[in-house]
Amino acid sequence: MNTKTLQLFFQSETASIPLEIRADSGQLVHLWGPSGVGKSTLLARIWGSRSIGKGSLIINFDNGQSLDLGKMSPAQLAFVRPRLMTYVAQNPLVLPRSRMSDWFTDYSIDELHERLFYLDLAPELLQRCATDLSGGELQRFVLLRAVFSETPILLLDEPCTGLDPKRFHQVVRLLKKEKDRQKLVIFSSHTHETWVDQSIQLF
């Protein structure tokens, strides 16, 4: 299965989110709208932690193979999903006393420091625990861990919320870098953005 080049088709027939998403590798897809319109629910449905209902989630690969995640059993989904997607919830759970360095033991120091630089995170922060970081620092470390996952699809629930303009542009730069690496990035926010490939407004 070649996961570098893929196409995602998501269709929801639920009353609350009647929409379709068609997206390809190397795209930034933006879901936006005010609180309560279903952005987090939609991402959770794509991830699989919430039922798709009558809809479907089909991933097509360039070798002609297709997977319909909406029709998979829980056991099949548990096997396939972490190989295809990384999901970062709006308020992710982290072990409070875990050191940041423990999150990145499988990666080279040079590669890690390069991406720390992208998000303006000092290398010495790697020796701190989650409880010793500010909310913004922890938010960026969680995003960094998602980027290092190497899955072809990233699902990010409001990754830029609460960031000042400088940090916002750093996150944008990182997401664009993942797009250039042919990842499909689907993320949510409250405001319309013009630097993406697709912008889908939820009402």
C-alpha atoms as a PDB file:
ATOM      1  CA  MET A   1       0.000   0.000   0.000  1.00  0.00           C
ATOM      2  CA  ASN A   2       1.553   3.271  -1.117  1.00  0.00           C
ATOM      3  CA  THR A   3       0.447   5.851   1.422  1.00  0.00           C
ATOM      4  CA  LYS A   4       2.454   8.681  -0.092  1.00  0.00           C
ATOM      5  CA  THR A   5      -0.121   9.299  -2.827  1.00  0.00           C
ATOM      6  CA  LEU A   6      -3.731   8.966  -1.807  1.00  0.00           C
ATOM      7  CA  GLN A   7      -7.162  10.491  -2.222  1.00  0.00           C
ATOM      8  CA  LEU A   8      -9.672  10.870   0.593  1.00  0.00           C
ATOM      9  CA  PHE A   9     -13.422  10.997   0.039  1.00  0.00           C
ATOM     10  CA  PHE A  10     -15.633  11.671   3.041  1.00  0.00           C
ATOM     11  CA  GLN A  11     -19.408  11.900   2.835  1.00  0.00           C
ATOM     12  CA  SER A  12     -21.682  12.492   5.788  1.00  0.00           C
ATOM     13  CA  GLU A  13     -25.416  12.045   5.503  1.00  0.00           C
ATOM     14  CA  THR A  14     -26.174  13.071   9.052  1.00  0.00           C
ATOM     15  CA  ALA A  15     -28.527  15.988   9.506  1.00  0.00           C
ATOM     16  CA  SER A  16     -25.961  18.039  11.389  1.00  0.00           C
ATOM     17  CA  ILE A  17     -23.124  17.760   8.850  1.00  0.00           C
ATOM     18  CA  PRO A  18     -24.454  17.166   5.302  1.00  0.00           C
ATOM     19  CA  LEU A  19     -21.275  17.594   3.277  1.00  0.00           C
ATOM     20  CA  GLU A  20     -18.599  15.998   1.167  1.00  0.00           C
ATOM     21  CA  ILE A  21     -14.838  16.343   1.329  1.00  0.00           C
ATOM     22  CA  ARG A  22     -12.606  15.296  -1.560  1.00  0.00           C
ATOM     23  CA  ALA A  23      -8.919  15.806  -0.966  1.00  0.00           C
ATOM     24  CA  ASP A  24      -5.563  14.570  -2.217  1.00  0.00           C
ATOM     25  CA  SER A  25      -2.062  14.128  -0.893  1.00  0.00           C
ATOM     26  CA  GLY A  26      -0.200  17.399  -0.635  1.00  0.00           C
ATOM     27  CA  GLN A  27      -3.231  19.507   0.220  1.00  0.00           C
ATOM     28  CA  LEU A  28      -4.211  21.755   3.114  1.00  0.00           C
ATOM     29  CA  VAL A  29      -7.942  21.459   3.813  1.00  0.00           C
ATOM     30  CA  HIS A  30      -9.458  24.010   6.172  1.00  0.00           C
ATOM     31  CA  LEU A  31     -12.728  23.505   8.082  1.00  0.00           C
ATOM     32  CA  TRP A  32     -13.965  26.740   9.574  1.00  0.00           C
ATOM     33  CA  GLY A  33     -16.937  28.261  11.335  1.00  0.00           C
ATOM     34  CA  PRO A  34     -18.077  29.421  14.769  1.00  0.00           C
ATOM     35  CA  SER A  35     -18.127  27.255  17.871  1.00  0.00           C
ATOM     36  CA  GLY A  36     -20.798  24.588  17.915  1.00  0.00           C
ATOM     37  CA  VAL A  37     -21.165  23.999  14.166  1.00  0.00           C
ATOM     38  CA  GLY A  38     -19.506  20.572  14.257  1.00  0.00           C
ATOM     39  CA  LYS A  39     -15.864  21.070  13.285  1.00  0.00           C
ATOM     40  CA  SER A  40     -14.548  18.851  16.084  1.00  0.00           C
ATOM     41  CA  THR A  41     -17.292  16.285  15.469  1.00  0.00           C
ATOM     42  CA  LEU A  42     -16.413  16.121  11.787  1.00  0.00           C
ATOM     43  CA  LEU A  43     -12.718  15.550  12.486  1.00  0.00           C
ATOM     44  CA  ALA A  44     -13.606  12.893  15.068  1.00  0.00           C
ATOM     45  CA  ARG A  45     -15.781  11.138  12.486  1.00  0.00           C
ATOM     46  CA  ILE A  46     -12.975  11.114   9.938  1.00  0.00           C
ATOM     47  CA  TRP A  47     -10.619   9.782  12.617  1.00  0.00           C
ATOM     48  CA  GLY A  48     -13.128   7.150  13.664  1.00  0.00           C
ATOM     49  CA  SER A  49     -13.736   7.971  17.310  1.00  0.00           C
ATOM     50  CA  ARG A  50     -17.297   8.892  16.348  1.00  0.00           C
ATOM     51  CA  SER A  51     -19.584   6.937  14.048  1.00  0.00           C
ATOM     52  CA  ILE A  52     -19.832   8.069  10.445  1.00  0.00           C
ATOM     53  CA  GLY A  53     -23.469   6.964  10.502  1.00  0.00           C
ATOM     54  CA  LYS A  54     -24.884   6.618   6.996  1.00  0.00           C
ATOM     55  CA  GLY A  55     -21.868   8.269   5.426  1.00  0.00           C
ATOM     56  CA  SER A  56     -18.645   6.831   4.054  1.00  0.00           C
ATOM     57  CA  LEU A  57     -14.913   7.411   4.318  1.00  0.00           C
ATOM     58  CA  ILE A  58     -13.029   6.042   1.340  1.00  0.00           C
ATOM     59  CA  ILE A  59      -9.293   6.301   0.763  1.00  0.00           C
ATOM     60  CA  ASN A  60      -8.034   5.540  -2.750  1.00  0.00           C
ATOM     61  CA  PHE A  61      -4.384   4.745  -3.427  1.00  0.00           C
ATOM     62  CA  ASP A  62      -2.507   5.272  -6.675  1.00  0.00           C
ATOM     63  CA  ASN A  63      -2.102   1.511  -7.150  1.00  0.00           C
ATOM     64  CA  GLY A  64      -5.875   1.153  -7.523  1.00  0.00           C
ATOM     65  CA  GLN A  65      -6.474  -0.134  -4.001  1.00  0.00           C
ATOM     66  CA  SER A  66      -9.294   1.391  -1.951  1.00  0.00           C
ATOM     67  CA  LEU A  67     -10.268   1.249   1.691  1.00  0.00           C
ATOM     68  CA  ASP A  68     -13.700   2.138   3.044  1.00  0.00           C
ATOM     69  CA  LEU A  69     -12.995   2.852   6.686  1.00  0.00           C
ATOM     70  CA  GLY A  70     -16.679   3.375   7.369  1.00  0.00           C
ATOM     71  CA  LYS A  71     -17.359  -0.314   6.707  1.00  0.00           C
ATOM     72  CA  MET A  72     -14.484  -1.723   8.739  1.00  0.00           C
ATOM     73  CA  SER A  73     -14.903  -3.590  11.996  1.00  0.00           C
ATOM     74  CA  PRO A  74     -13.469  -1.969  15.140  1.00  0.00           C
ATOM     75  CA  ALA A  75     -10.550  -4.427  15.050  1.00  0.00           C
ATOM     76  CA  GLN A  76      -9.765  -3.660  11.401  1.00  0.00           C
ATOM     77  CA  LEU A  77     -10.044   0.065  12.022  1.00  0.00           C
ATOM     78  CA  ALA A  78      -7.739  -0.140  15.041  1.00  0.00           C
ATOM     79  CA  PHE A  79      -5.095  -1.751  12.819  1.00  0.00           C
ATOM     80  CA  VAL A  80      -5.410   0.492   9.758  1.00  0.00           C
ATOM     81  CA  ARG A  81      -6.183   3.892  11.241  1.00  0.00           C
ATOM     82  CA  PRO A  82      -2.862   4.615  13.055  1.00  0.00           C
ATOM     83  CA  ARG A  83      -0.996   3.742   9.866  1.00  0.00           C
ATOM     84  CA  LEU A  84      -2.951   6.296   7.870  1.00  0.00           C
ATOM     85  CA  MET A  85      -3.877   9.138  10.208  1.00  0.00           C
ATOM     86  CA  THR A  86      -2.692  11.170  13.148  1.00  0.00           C
ATOM     87  CA  TYR A  87      -5.383  13.029  15.077  1.00  0.00           C
ATOM     88  CA  VAL A  88      -4.754  15.884  17.499  1.00  0.00           C
ATOM     89  CA  ALA A  89      -7.825  16.854  19.499  1.00  0.00           C
ATOM     90  CA  GLN A  90      -8.442  20.401  20.661  1.00  0.00           C
ATOM     91  CA  ASN A  91      -7.526  19.461  24.236  1.00  0.00           C
ATOM     92  CA  PRO A  92      -5.269  16.403  23.874  1.00  0.00           C
ATOM     93  CA  LEU A  93      -4.508  14.206  26.848  1.00  0.00           C
ATOM     94  CA  VAL A  94      -0.840  14.039  27.828  1.00  0.00           C
ATOM     95  CA  LEU A  95       0.949  12.373  30.706  1.00  0.00           C
ATOM     96  CA  PRO A  96       1.694  15.302  33.034  1.00  0.00           C
ATOM     97  CA  ARG A  97       5.095  14.061  34.200  1.00  0.00           C
ATOM     98  CA  SER A  98       6.352  12.837  30.827  1.00  0.00           C
ATOM     99  CA  ARG A  99       9.452  14.588  29.542  1.00  0.00           C
ATOM    100  CA  MET A 100       9.214  16.099  26.092  1.00  0.00           C
ATOM    101  CA  SER A 101      12.376  14.257  25.044  1.00  0.00           C
ATOM    102  CA  ASP A 102      10.557  10.945  25.613  1.00  0.00           C
ATOM    103  CA  TRP A 103       8.167  11.835  22.809  1.00  0.00           C
ATOM    104  CA  PHE A 104      10.925  11.912  20.190  1.00  0.00           C
ATOM    105  CA  THR A 105      13.329   9.088  21.061  1.00  0.00           C
ATOM    106  CA  ASP A 106      13.087   7.553  17.570  1.00  0.00           C
ATOM    107  CA  TYR A 107      14.254  10.651  15.716  1.00  0.00           C
ATOM    108  CA  SER A 108      17.628  12.223  15.030  1.00  0.00           C
ATOM    109  CA  ILE A 109      18.718  15.235  17.046  1.00  0.00           C
ATOM    110  CA  ASP A 110      19.357  17.268  13.887  1.00  0.00           C
ATOM    111  CA  GLU A 111      15.883  16.632  12.501  1.00  0.00           C
ATOM    112  CA  LEU A 112      14.279  17.349  15.859  1.00  0.00           C
ATOM    113  CA  HIS A 113      16.180  20.604  16.361  1.00  0.00           C
ATOM    114  CA  GLU A 114      15.250  21.763  12.850  1.00  0.00           C
ATOM    115  CA  ARG A 115      11.563  21.400  13.621  1.00  0.00           C
ATOM    116  CA  LEU A 116      11.944  22.892  17.078  1.00  0.00           C
ATOM    117  CA  PHE A 117      13.349  25.932  15.304  1.00  0.00           C
ATOM    118  CA  TYR A 118      10.307  26.081  13.028  1.00  0.00           C
ATOM    119  CA  LEU A 119       8.052  26.421  16.078  1.00  0.00           C
ATOM    120  CA  ASP A 120      10.385  28.630  18.127  1.00  0.00           C
ATOM    121  CA  LEU A 121      10.827  25.965  20.815  1.00  0.00           C
ATOM    122  CA  ALA A 122      14.144  26.040  22.675  1.00  0.00           C
ATOM    123  CA  PRO A 123      15.981  22.664  22.741  1.00  0.00           C
ATOM    124  CA  GLU A 124      16.300  22.849  26.538  1.00  0.00           C
ATOM    125  CA  LEU A 125      12.505  22.547  26.768  1.00  0.00           C
ATOM    126  CA  LEU A 126      12.940  18.886  25.803  1.00  0.00           C
ATOM    127  CA  GLN A 127      14.100  18.204  29.363  1.00  0.00           C
ATOM    128  CA  ARG A 128      10.925  19.607  30.890  1.00  0.00           C
ATOM    129  CA  CYS A 129       7.733  17.792  31.789  1.00  0.00           C
ATOM    130  CA  ALA A 130       4.370  18.698  30.339  1.00  0.00           C
ATOM    131  CA  THR A 131       3.343  20.382  33.591  1.00  0.00           C
ATOM    132  CA  ASP A 132       6.398  22.669  33.430  1.00  0.00           C
ATOM    133  CA  LEU A 133       5.487  24.127  30.034  1.00  0.00           C
ATOM    134  CA  SER A 134       3.213  27.016  29.215  1.00  0.00           C
ATOM    135  CA  GLY A 135      -0.029  26.235  27.419  1.00  0.00           C
ATOM    136  CA  GLY A 136       1.354  27.573  24.154  1.00  0.00           C
ATOM    137  CA  GLU A 137       4.583  25.570  24.440  1.00  0.00           C
ATOM    138  CA  LEU A 138       2.690  22.354  25.132  1.00  0.00           C
ATOM    139  CA  GLN A 139       0.330  23.070  22.236  1.00  0.00           C
ATOM    140  CA  ARG A 140       3.284  23.383  19.860  1.00  0.00           C
ATOM    141  CA  PHE A 141       4.972  20.234  21.220  1.00  0.00           C
ATOM    142  CA  VAL A 142       1.767  18.272  20.628  1.00  0.00           C
ATOM    143  CA  LEU A 143       1.683  19.570  17.061  1.00  0.00           C
ATOM    144  CA  LEU A 144       5.354  18.697  16.621  1.00  0.00           C
ATOM    145  CA  ARG A 145       4.723  15.133  17.792  1.00  0.00           C
ATOM    146  CA  ALA A 146       1.899  14.831  15.248  1.00  0.00           C
ATOM    147  CA  VAL A 147       4.177  16.005  12.451  1.00  0.00           C
ATOM    148  CA  PHE A 148       6.790  13.402  13.415  1.00  0.00           C
ATOM    149  CA  SER A 149       4.212  10.607  13.206  1.00  0.00           C
ATOM    150  CA  GLU A 150       4.875  10.241   9.448  1.00  0.00           C
ATOM    151  CA  THR A 151       1.292   9.186   8.707  1.00  0.00           C
ATOM    152  CA  PRO A 152       0.070  10.507   5.336  1.00  0.00           C
ATOM    153  CA  ILE A 153      -2.984  12.233   6.853  1.00  0.00           C
ATOM    154  CA  LEU A 154      -2.937  14.784   9.685  1.00  0.00           C
ATOM    155  CA  LEU A 155      -6.193  15.773  11.417  1.00  0.00           C
ATOM    156  CA  LEU A 156      -5.699  18.844  13.603  1.00  0.00           C
ATOM    157  CA  ASP A 157      -8.466  20.381  15.683  1.00  0.00           C
ATOM    158  CA  GLU A 158      -7.800  24.125  15.997  1.00  0.00           C
ATOM    159  CA  PRO A 159      -3.972  23.934  16.010  1.00  0.00           C
ATOM    160  CA  CYS A 160      -3.650  27.743  15.854  1.00  0.00           C
ATOM    161  CA  THR A 161      -6.169  28.696  18.541  1.00  0.00           C
ATOM    162  CA  GLY A 162      -4.785  31.119  21.120  1.00  0.00           C
ATOM    163  CA  LEU A 163      -1.494  31.735  19.315  1.00  0.00           C
ATOM    164  CA  ASP A 164      -0.119  35.231  18.876  1.00  0.00           C
ATOM    165  CA  PRO A 165       0.605  36.373  15.277  1.00  0.00           C
ATOM    166  CA  LYS A 166       4.249  35.277  15.409  1.00  0.00           C
ATOM    167  CA  ARG A 167       3.423  31.768  16.643  1.00  0.00           C
ATOM    168  CA  PHE A 168       0.506  31.551  14.206  1.00  0.00           C
ATOM    169  CA  HIS A 169       2.788  32.164  11.232  1.00  0.00           C
ATOM    170  CA  GLN A 170       5.264  29.609  12.572  1.00  0.00           C
ATOM    171  CA  VAL A 171       2.534  26.958  12.670  1.00  0.00           C
ATOM    172  CA  VAL A 172       1.379  27.962   9.181  1.00  0.00           C
ATOM    173  CA  ARG A 173       4.938  27.540   7.916  1.00  0.00           C
ATOM    174  CA  LEU A 174       5.134  24.073   9.483  1.00  0.00           C
ATOM    175  CA  LEU A 175       1.807  22.993   7.960  1.00  0.00           C
ATOM    176  CA  LYS A 176       2.939  24.206   4.544  1.00  0.00           C
ATOM    177  CA  LYS A 177       6.125  22.199   4.960  1.00  0.00           C
ATOM    178  CA  GLU A 178       4.034  19.076   5.623  1.00  0.00           C
ATOM    179  CA  LYS A 179       1.979  19.840   2.520  1.00  0.00           C
ATOM    180  CA  ASP A 180       5.228  20.012   0.525  1.00  0.00           C
ATOM    181  CA  ARG A 181       6.076  16.571   1.912  1.00  0.00           C
ATOM    182  CA  GLN A 182       2.857  15.346   0.265  1.00  0.00           C
ATOM    183  CA  LYS A 183       0.857  14.978   3.445  1.00  0.00           C
ATOM    184  CA  LEU A 184      -2.862  15.663   3.479  1.00  0.00           C
ATOM    185  CA  VAL A 185      -3.534  18.090   6.332  1.00  0.00           C
ATOM    186  CA  ILE A 186      -7.134  18.679   7.454  1.00  0.00           C
ATOM    187  CA  PHE A 187      -7.466  21.254  10.208  1.00  0.00           C
ATOM    188  CA  SER A 188     -10.123  23.424  11.808  1.00  0.00           C
ATOM    189  CA  SER A 189     -10.347  27.005  13.022  1.00  0.00           C
ATOM    190  CA  HIS A 190     -12.896  29.726  13.710  1.00  0.00           C
ATOM    191  CA  THR A 191     -11.790  32.080  10.937  1.00  0.00           C
ATOM    192  CA  HIS A 192     -11.451  31.896   7.169  1.00  0.00           C
ATOM    193  CA  GLU A 193      -7.893  31.403   5.864  1.00  0.00           C
ATOM    194  CA  THR A 194      -6.662  32.135   2.339  1.00  0.00           C
ATOM    195  CA  TRP A 195      -3.366  30.217   2.344  1.00  0.00           C
ATOM    196  CA  VAL A 196      -4.996  26.775   2.048  1.00  0.00           C
ATOM    197  CA  ASP A 197      -5.971  24.583  -0.919  1.00  0.00           C
ATOM    198  CA  GLN A 198      -9.565  24.040   0.195  1.00  0.00           C
ATOM    199  CA  SER A 199     -11.629  26.082   2.621  1.00  0.00           C
ATOM    200  CA  ILE A 200     -14.905  24.521   3.776  1.00  0.00           C
ATOM    201  CA  GLN A 201     -17.265  26.626   5.847  1.00  0.00           C
ATOM    202  CA  LEU A 202     -19.551  24.835   8.292  1.00  0.00           C
ATOM    203  CA  PHE A 203     -22.829  26.420   9.342  1.00  0.00           C
END
